[in-house]
Amino acid sequence: MSRPGLQVPLLIAATLALILLPGCASAPKQSSESTTEPIVSSTPPFQTKEPERYQAVRTITFTRTTGESTTVKTTIAKDGQFRRDEQNRVVYLETEQGSFVILPEQKIYAALGAEPEATDEEFPSEDSPERLLNTETTATRYQKAGTEVLNGRSSTKYQTVNTSTRGTVSNNETLIWIDDELGMPIKASTTSADGSNTTMELTGISLEVDKRLFQIPEGYQKVSASVIRQRLSVK
């Protein structure tokens, strides 16, 4: 299904979580490092597919070399084919009836896919999916680095080493935490050679989801996608 560019700000977090999974910052205090021979794999020893049903808060923090940081929080919910992403008081919704974007504060919504797609230039972002995808191809090796408990959930930690197609080894320092029950990443942190850092973490994870989250509230007015774009641009 076609998705206009106005959803780009809404899906930055979800895209980063899958594209920037290699990551490393300071490790949580509770840890037990493996004393056995490290296991190294050229393929991910975990899955990146989300659970069939769950909800959580995804927090992505960008820390620049200057020490300035930007945090993006996305409340996500998934139940089979239904999905809801809420970020900066904007809701992106996938239902049986199609895809919608909702502005709860203004009580308006629009169907997506019915109008010509907007370009990324209309919603510029240095962290847009287009920019993130246009990076040099790398081969990644995964090494088990122990176990940790994050927010009460048991996880297995992996360290990664990225090698580019030119044969050079990336100076990025990377760690990924895989939830032992869900089998998917719940934290990832990348520290680049220049000292900048990107961290993603899932918190408030629950496998119970309220089905009302995937409904457009009563009394909301349906408008065109162009109206939504206009309202977003003046925020």
C-alpha atoms as a PDB file:
ATOM      1  CA  MET A   1       0.000   0.000   0.000  1.00  0.00           C
ATOM      2  CA  SER A   2       1.385   3.441  -0.965  1.00  0.00           C
ATOM      3  CA  ARG A   3       2.227   5.688   1.950  1.00  0.00           C
ATOM      4  CA  PRO A   4       2.601   9.447   1.347  1.00  0.00           C
ATOM      5  CA  GLY A   5       5.675  11.238   2.562  1.00  0.00           C
ATOM      6  CA  LEU A   6       3.803  12.878   5.416  1.00  0.00           C
ATOM      7  CA  GLN A   7       4.292   9.718   7.423  1.00  0.00           C
ATOM      8  CA  VAL A   8       8.093   9.983   7.246  1.00  0.00           C
ATOM      9  CA  PRO A   9       8.395  11.796  10.603  1.00  0.00           C
ATOM     10  CA  LEU A  10       6.145   9.130  12.140  1.00  0.00           C
ATOM     11  CA  LEU A  11       8.180   6.151  11.013  1.00  0.00           C
ATOM     12  CA  ILE A  12      11.719   7.425  11.619  1.00  0.00           C
ATOM     13  CA  ALA A  13      11.872   5.542  14.893  1.00  0.00           C
ATOM     14  CA  ALA A  14      10.630   2.269  13.460  1.00  0.00           C
ATOM     15  CA  THR A  15      13.010   2.509  10.524  1.00  0.00           C
ATOM     16  CA  LEU A  16      15.993   3.313  12.709  1.00  0.00           C
ATOM     17  CA  ALA A  17      15.220   0.410  14.978  1.00  0.00           C
ATOM     18  CA  LEU A  18      15.680  -2.000  12.066  1.00  0.00           C
ATOM     19  CA  ILE A  19      18.426  -0.199  10.159  1.00  0.00           C
ATOM     20  CA  LEU A  20      20.581   1.019  13.052  1.00  0.00           C
ATOM     21  CA  LEU A  21      20.355  -2.083  15.222  1.00  0.00           C
ATOM     22  CA  PRO A  22      24.141  -2.346  15.620  1.00  0.00           C
ATOM     23  CA  GLY A  23      24.817  -0.102  18.583  1.00  0.00           C
ATOM     24  CA  CYS A  24      26.928   0.512  21.669  1.00  0.00           C
ATOM     25  CA  ALA A  25      27.011   2.983  24.525  1.00  0.00           C
ATOM     26  CA  SER A  26      27.703   2.293  28.176  1.00  0.00           C
ATOM     27  CA  ALA A  27      26.345  -1.075  29.298  1.00  0.00           C
ATOM     28  CA  PRO A  28      23.786  -1.342  32.136  1.00  0.00           C
ATOM     29  CA  LYS A  29      25.175  -2.216  35.554  1.00  0.00           C
ATOM     30  CA  GLN A  30      23.695  -5.706  35.794  1.00  0.00           C
ATOM     31  CA  SER A  31      25.749  -7.958  33.554  1.00  0.00           C
ATOM     32  CA  SER A  32      27.472 -11.302  33.468  1.00  0.00           C
ATOM     33  CA  GLU A  33      30.099 -11.637  30.770  1.00  0.00           C
ATOM     34  CA  SER A  34      30.635 -15.013  29.171  1.00  0.00           C
ATOM     35  CA  THR A  35      33.884 -16.711  30.216  1.00  0.00           C
ATOM     36  CA  THR A  36      33.702 -19.315  27.456  1.00  0.00           C
ATOM     37  CA  GLU A  37      35.028 -19.055  23.913  1.00  0.00           C
ATOM     38  CA  PRO A  38      33.107 -16.229  22.182  1.00  0.00           C
ATOM     39  CA  ILE A  39      30.624 -17.349  19.526  1.00  0.00           C
ATOM     40  CA  VAL A  40      31.037 -15.367  16.296  1.00  0.00           C
ATOM     41  CA  SER A  41      28.436 -15.470  13.505  1.00  0.00           C
ATOM     42  CA  SER A  42      28.231 -13.757  10.117  1.00  0.00           C
ATOM     43  CA  THR A  43      24.427 -13.863  10.256  1.00  0.00           C
ATOM     44  CA  PRO A  44      22.212 -12.337  12.963  1.00  0.00           C
ATOM     45  CA  PRO A  45      21.722 -14.922  15.763  1.00  0.00           C
ATOM     46  CA  PHE A  46      18.298 -13.389  16.434  1.00  0.00           C
ATOM     47  CA  GLN A  47      15.172 -12.294  14.609  1.00  0.00           C
ATOM     48  CA  THR A  48      14.127  -8.738  13.760  1.00  0.00           C
ATOM     49  CA  LYS A  49      10.459  -9.546  13.208  1.00  0.00           C
ATOM     50  CA  GLU A  50       8.111  -7.994  15.722  1.00  0.00           C
ATOM     51  CA  PRO A  51       5.805 -10.153  17.851  1.00  0.00           C
ATOM     52  CA  GLU A  52       2.340 -10.764  16.403  1.00  0.00           C
ATOM     53  CA  ARG A  53       0.800  -8.797  19.274  1.00  0.00           C
ATOM     54  CA  TYR A  54       2.494  -6.310  21.606  1.00  0.00           C
ATOM     55  CA  GLN A  55       2.807  -2.683  22.627  1.00  0.00           C
ATOM     56  CA  ALA A  56       5.752  -0.653  23.890  1.00  0.00           C
ATOM     57  CA  VAL A  57       7.452   2.725  23.899  1.00  0.00           C
ATOM     58  CA  ARG A  58      10.433   3.047  21.573  1.00  0.00           C
ATOM     59  CA  THR A  59      12.936   5.743  22.570  1.00  0.00           C
ATOM     60  CA  ILE A  60      15.695   6.832  20.205  1.00  0.00           C
ATOM     61  CA  THR A  61      18.340   9.257  21.418  1.00  0.00           C
ATOM     62  CA  PHE A  62      20.842  10.966  19.112  1.00  0.00           C
ATOM     63  CA  THR A  63      23.849  12.442  20.941  1.00  0.00           C
ATOM     64  CA  ARG A  64      26.148  14.642  18.893  1.00  0.00           C
ATOM     65  CA  THR A  65      29.851  15.153  19.489  1.00  0.00           C
ATOM     66  CA  THR A  66      29.021  18.532  21.010  1.00  0.00           C
ATOM     67  CA  GLY A  67      27.068  16.792  23.752  1.00  0.00           C
ATOM     68  CA  GLU A  68      23.721  18.003  22.408  1.00  0.00           C
ATOM     69  CA  SER A  69      21.109  15.293  22.200  1.00  0.00           C
ATOM     70  CA  THR A  70      17.726  14.759  20.559  1.00  0.00           C
ATOM     71  CA  THR A  71      15.230  12.212  21.831  1.00  0.00           C
ATOM     72  CA  VAL A  72      12.353  10.793  19.804  1.00  0.00           C
ATOM     73  CA  LYS A  73       9.711   8.694  21.531  1.00  0.00           C
ATOM     74  CA  THR A  74       7.194   6.558  19.664  1.00  0.00           C
ATOM     75  CA  THR A  75       4.341   4.673  21.291  1.00  0.00           C
ATOM     76  CA  ILE A  76       3.763   1.559  19.215  1.00  0.00           C
ATOM     77  CA  ALA A  77       1.051  -1.089  19.246  1.00  0.00           C
ATOM     78  CA  LYS A  78       0.608  -4.096  16.974  1.00  0.00           C
ATOM     79  CA  ASP A  79      -2.099  -6.738  16.740  1.00  0.00           C
ATOM     80  CA  GLY A  80      -1.727  -8.895  13.655  1.00  0.00           C
ATOM     81  CA  GLN A  81      -2.225  -6.672  10.612  1.00  0.00           C
ATOM     82  CA  PHE A  82      -3.285  -3.740  12.781  1.00  0.00           C
ATOM     83  CA  ARG A  83      -0.638  -1.208  13.772  1.00  0.00           C
ATOM     84  CA  ARG A  84      -0.466   2.123  15.557  1.00  0.00           C
ATOM     85  CA  ASP A  85       2.513   4.483  15.858  1.00  0.00           C
ATOM     86  CA  GLU A  86       2.174   7.709  17.826  1.00  0.00           C
ATOM     87  CA  GLN A  87       4.925  10.308  17.810  1.00  0.00           C
ATOM     88  CA  ASN A  88       4.851  14.026  18.611  1.00  0.00           C
ATOM     89  CA  ARG A  89       1.065  13.935  19.007  1.00  0.00           C
ATOM     90  CA  VAL A  90       0.616  12.470  15.508  1.00  0.00           C
ATOM     91  CA  VAL A  91      -0.831   8.985  15.035  1.00  0.00           C
ATOM     92  CA  TYR A  92      -0.206   6.658  12.089  1.00  0.00           C
ATOM     93  CA  LEU A  93      -2.766   3.846  11.906  1.00  0.00           C
ATOM     94  CA  GLU A  94      -3.003   0.677   9.808  1.00  0.00           C
ATOM     95  CA  THR A  95      -6.390  -1.083   9.773  1.00  0.00           C
ATOM     96  CA  GLU A  96      -8.484  -3.349   7.553  1.00  0.00           C
ATOM     97  CA  GLN A  97      -9.931  -0.201   5.993  1.00  0.00           C
ATOM     98  CA  GLY A  98      -6.510   1.148   5.051  1.00  0.00           C
ATOM     99  CA  SER A  99      -3.844   3.470   6.433  1.00  0.00           C
ATOM    100  CA  PHE A 100      -4.629   6.725   8.203  1.00  0.00           C
ATOM    101  CA  VAL A 101      -2.877   9.630   9.871  1.00  0.00           C
ATOM    102  CA  ILE A 102      -4.592  11.268  12.856  1.00  0.00           C
ATOM    103  CA  LEU A 103      -4.062  14.562  14.668  1.00  0.00           C
ATOM    104  CA  PRO A 104      -5.749  13.893  18.038  1.00  0.00           C
ATOM    105  CA  GLU A 105      -5.443  17.462  19.326  1.00  0.00           C
ATOM    106  CA  GLN A 106      -7.318  18.774  16.285  1.00  0.00           C
ATOM    107  CA  LYS A 107      -9.639  15.764  16.049  1.00  0.00           C
ATOM    108  CA  ILE A 108      -9.017  15.272  12.336  1.00  0.00           C
ATOM    109  CA  TYR A 109      -7.737  12.357  10.255  1.00  0.00           C
ATOM    110  CA  ALA A 110      -6.929  11.515   6.635  1.00  0.00           C
ATOM    111  CA  ALA A 111      -6.689   8.356   4.582  1.00  0.00           C
ATOM    112  CA  LEU A 112      -3.263   7.669   3.086  1.00  0.00           C
ATOM    113  CA  GLY A 113      -2.554   6.384  -0.410  1.00  0.00           C
ATOM    114  CA  ALA A 114      -5.353   8.213  -2.187  1.00  0.00           C
ATOM    115  CA  GLU A 115      -3.294  11.246  -3.228  1.00  0.00           C
ATOM    116  CA  PRO A 116       0.039  11.756  -5.014  1.00  0.00           C
ATOM    117  CA  GLU A 117       2.907  11.005  -2.700  1.00  0.00           C
ATOM    118  CA  ALA A 118       4.746  13.827  -1.035  1.00  0.00           C
ATOM    119  CA  THR A 119       8.503  13.912  -1.337  1.00  0.00           C
ATOM    120  CA  ASP A 120      10.993  13.780   1.499  1.00  0.00           C
ATOM    121  CA  GLU A 121      11.840  17.401   0.698  1.00  0.00           C
ATOM    122  CA  GLU A 122       8.419  18.404   2.024  1.00  0.00           C
ATOM    123  CA  PHE A 123       9.380  16.862   5.342  1.00  0.00           C
ATOM    124  CA  PRO A 124      13.176  17.266   5.489  1.00  0.00           C
ATOM    125  CA  SER A 125      14.995  15.188   8.057  1.00  0.00           C
ATOM    126  CA  GLU A 126      18.656  14.331   8.403  1.00  0.00           C
ATOM    127  CA  ASP A 127      17.493  10.951   9.695  1.00  0.00           C
ATOM    128  CA  SER A 128      14.998  10.148   6.936  1.00  0.00           C
ATOM    129  CA  PRO A 129      14.742   6.518   5.743  1.00  0.00           C
ATOM    130  CA  GLU A 130      16.066   7.560   2.315  1.00  0.00           C
ATOM    131  CA  ARG A 131      19.259   8.939   3.840  1.00  0.00           C
ATOM    132  CA  LEU A 132      19.709   5.982   6.134  1.00  0.00           C
ATOM    133  CA  LEU A 133      19.334   3.466   3.307  1.00  0.00           C
ATOM    134  CA  ASN A 134      21.897   5.186   1.096  1.00  0.00           C
ATOM    135  CA  THR A 135      24.911   4.102   3.117  1.00  0.00           C
ATOM    136  CA  GLU A 136      27.876   1.990   2.164  1.00  0.00           C
ATOM    137  CA  THR A 137      27.138  -1.727   2.132  1.00  0.00           C
ATOM    138  CA  THR A 138      28.712  -3.534   5.070  1.00  0.00           C
ATOM    139  CA  ALA A 139      29.133  -7.101   6.288  1.00  0.00           C
ATOM    140  CA  THR A 140      28.420  -7.568   9.976  1.00  0.00           C
ATOM    141  CA  ARG A 141      29.783 -10.163  12.417  1.00  0.00           C
ATOM    142  CA  TYR A 142      27.968 -10.861  15.680  1.00  0.00           C
ATOM    143  CA  GLN A 143      29.692 -11.952  18.885  1.00  0.00           C
ATOM    144  CA  LYS A 144      27.870 -12.951  22.056  1.00  0.00           C
ATOM    145  CA  ALA A 145      28.879 -10.665  24.923  1.00  0.00           C
ATOM    146  CA  GLY A 146      26.990 -11.993  27.939  1.00  0.00           C
ATOM    147  CA  THR A 147      23.550 -11.554  29.463  1.00  0.00           C
ATOM    148  CA  GLU A 148      21.794  -8.644  31.161  1.00  0.00           C
ATOM    149  CA  VAL A 149      18.464  -7.734  32.725  1.00  0.00           C
ATOM    150  CA  LEU A 150      16.911  -4.623  31.168  1.00  0.00           C
ATOM    151  CA  ASN A 151      13.803  -3.178  32.816  1.00  0.00           C
ATOM    152  CA  GLY A 152      13.084  -6.540  34.401  1.00  0.00           C
ATOM    153  CA  ARG A 153      13.469  -8.502  31.145  1.00  0.00           C
ATOM    154  CA  SER A 154      16.250 -11.052  30.542  1.00  0.00           C
ATOM    155  CA  SER A 155      18.310 -10.354  27.458  1.00  0.00           C
ATOM    156  CA  THR A 156      21.372 -11.603  25.622  1.00  0.00           C
ATOM    157  CA  LYS A 157      23.928  -9.039  24.517  1.00  0.00           C
ATOM    158  CA  TYR A 158      25.823  -9.128  21.221  1.00  0.00           C
ATOM    159  CA  GLN A 159      28.718  -7.049  19.978  1.00  0.00           C
ATOM    160  CA  THR A 160      29.062  -6.437  16.261  1.00  0.00           C
ATOM    161  CA  VAL A 161      31.920  -5.562  13.923  1.00  0.00           C
ATOM    162  CA  ASN A 162      31.073  -3.978  10.579  1.00  0.00           C
ATOM    163  CA  THR A 163      33.306  -4.447   7.537  1.00  0.00           C
ATOM    164  CA  SER A 164      32.656  -2.367   4.420  1.00  0.00           C
ATOM    165  CA  THR A 165      32.640  -3.646   0.859  1.00  0.00           C
ATOM    166  CA  ARG A 166      36.049  -1.981   0.495  1.00  0.00           C
ATOM    167  CA  GLY A 167      37.487  -4.287   3.137  1.00  0.00           C
ATOM    168  CA  THR A 168      37.849  -1.695   5.857  1.00  0.00           C
ATOM    169  CA  VAL A 169      36.636  -2.277   9.394  1.00  0.00           C
ATOM    170  CA  SER A 170      34.226   0.272  10.829  1.00  0.00           C
ATOM    171  CA  ASN A 171      35.313   2.119  13.945  1.00  0.00           C
ATOM    172  CA  ASN A 172      31.734   2.111  15.194  1.00  0.00           C
ATOM    173  CA  GLU A 173      31.310   0.412  18.565  1.00  0.00           C
ATOM    174  CA  THR A 174      28.141  -1.643  18.615  1.00  0.00           C
ATOM    175  CA  LEU A 175      26.015  -3.571  21.086  1.00  0.00           C
ATOM    176  CA  ILE A 176      22.599  -5.174  20.668  1.00  0.00           C
ATOM    177  CA  TRP A 177      20.412  -6.562  23.458  1.00  0.00           C
ATOM    178  CA  ILE A 178      18.013  -9.370  22.427  1.00  0.00           C
ATOM    179  CA  ASP A 179      15.011 -10.115  24.625  1.00  0.00           C
ATOM    180  CA  ASP A 180      15.193 -13.814  25.589  1.00  0.00           C
ATOM    181  CA  GLU A 181      11.392 -14.219  25.512  1.00  0.00           C
ATOM    182  CA  LEU A 182      10.544 -12.189  22.409  1.00  0.00           C
ATOM    183  CA  GLY A 183      13.699 -13.005  20.448  1.00  0.00           C
ATOM    184  CA  MET A 184      13.978  -9.470  19.087  1.00  0.00           C
ATOM    185  CA  PRO A 185      16.149  -6.424  19.869  1.00  0.00           C
ATOM    186  CA  ILE A 186      14.956  -4.340  22.836  1.00  0.00           C
ATOM    187  CA  LYS A 187      18.007  -2.115  22.942  1.00  0.00           C
ATOM    188  CA  ALA A 188      20.704  -1.090  20.481  1.00  0.00           C
ATOM    189  CA  SER A 189      23.421   1.509  20.846  1.00  0.00           C
ATOM    190  CA  THR A 190      26.003   2.730  18.354  1.00  0.00           C
ATOM    191  CA  THR A 191      28.974   4.928  19.164  1.00  0.00           C
ATOM    192  CA  SER A 192      30.642   6.232  16.004  1.00  0.00           C
ATOM    193  CA  ALA A 193      34.319   6.969  15.523  1.00  0.00           C
ATOM    194  CA  ASP A 194      33.630  10.693  15.850  1.00  0.00           C
ATOM    195  CA  GLY A 195      32.061  10.154  19.287  1.00  0.00           C
ATOM    196  CA  SER A 196      28.433  10.605  18.293  1.00  0.00           C
ATOM    197  CA  ASN A 197      25.962   8.041  19.621  1.00  0.00           C
ATOM    198  CA  THR A 198      22.583   6.631  18.652  1.00  0.00           C
ATOM    199  CA  THR A 199      20.622   4.533  21.135  1.00  0.00           C
ATOM    200  CA  MET A 200      17.294   2.750  20.702  1.00  0.00           C
ATOM    201  CA  GLU A 201      15.422   1.119  23.589  1.00  0.00           C
ATOM    202  CA  LEU A 202      11.999  -0.483  24.028  1.00  0.00           C
ATOM    203  CA  THR A 203      10.315  -0.004  27.394  1.00  0.00           C
ATOM    204  CA  GLY A 204       6.884  -0.725  28.839  1.00  0.00           C
ATOM    205  CA  ILE A 205       6.622  -3.906  26.778  1.00  0.00           C
ATOM    206  CA  SER A 206       3.277  -5.698  27.056  1.00  0.00           C
ATOM    207  CA  LEU A 207       1.831  -8.579  25.050  1.00  0.00           C
ATOM    208  CA  GLU A 208      -1.716  -7.402  25.828  1.00  0.00           C
ATOM    209  CA  VAL A 209      -3.106  -4.793  23.427  1.00  0.00           C
ATOM    210  CA  ASP A 210      -6.353  -2.804  23.648  1.00  0.00           C
ATOM    211  CA  LYS A 211      -8.125  -3.203  20.279  1.00  0.00           C
ATOM    212  CA  ARG A 212      -9.612   0.279  20.640  1.00  0.00           C
ATOM    213  CA  LEU A 213      -6.157   1.670  19.880  1.00  0.00           C
ATOM    214  CA  PHE A 214      -6.707   0.732  16.229  1.00  0.00           C
ATOM    215  CA  GLN A 215      -9.986   2.600  15.829  1.00  0.00           C
ATOM    216  CA  ILE A 216     -10.530   6.178  14.692  1.00  0.00           C
ATOM    217  CA  PRO A 217     -12.251   7.909  17.633  1.00  0.00           C
ATOM    218  CA  GLU A 218     -15.854   8.982  17.190  1.00  0.00           C
ATOM    219  CA  GLY A 219     -16.416  12.624  16.341  1.00  0.00           C
ATOM    220  CA  TYR A 220     -13.177  13.036  14.376  1.00  0.00           C
ATOM    221  CA  GLN A 221     -13.474  14.873  11.048  1.00  0.00           C
ATOM    222  CA  LYS A 222     -12.067  13.287   7.898  1.00  0.00           C
ATOM    223  CA  VAL A 223      -9.945  15.641   5.786  1.00  0.00           C
ATOM    224  CA  SER A 224      -7.580  15.316   2.844  1.00  0.00           C
ATOM    225  CA  ALA A 225      -3.945  14.319   3.288  1.00  0.00           C
ATOM    226  CA  SER A 226      -2.935  17.770   2.029  1.00  0.00           C
ATOM    227  CA  VAL A 227      -4.757  19.346   4.968  1.00  0.00           C
ATOM    228  CA  ILE A 228      -2.786  17.146   7.362  1.00  0.00           C
ATOM    229  CA  ARG A 229       0.472  18.152   5.659  1.00  0.00           C
ATOM    230  CA  GLN A 230      -0.464  21.797   5.981  1.00  0.00           C
ATOM    231  CA  ARG A 231      -1.321  21.462   9.663  1.00  0.00           C
ATOM    232  CA  LEU A 232       1.971  19.661  10.349  1.00  0.00           C
ATOM    233  CA  SER A 233       4.008  22.259   8.510  1.00  0.00           C
ATOM    234  CA  VAL A 234       2.737  25.097  10.694  1.00  0.00           C
ATOM    235  CA  LYS A 235       3.453  23.311  13.998  1.00  0.00           C
END
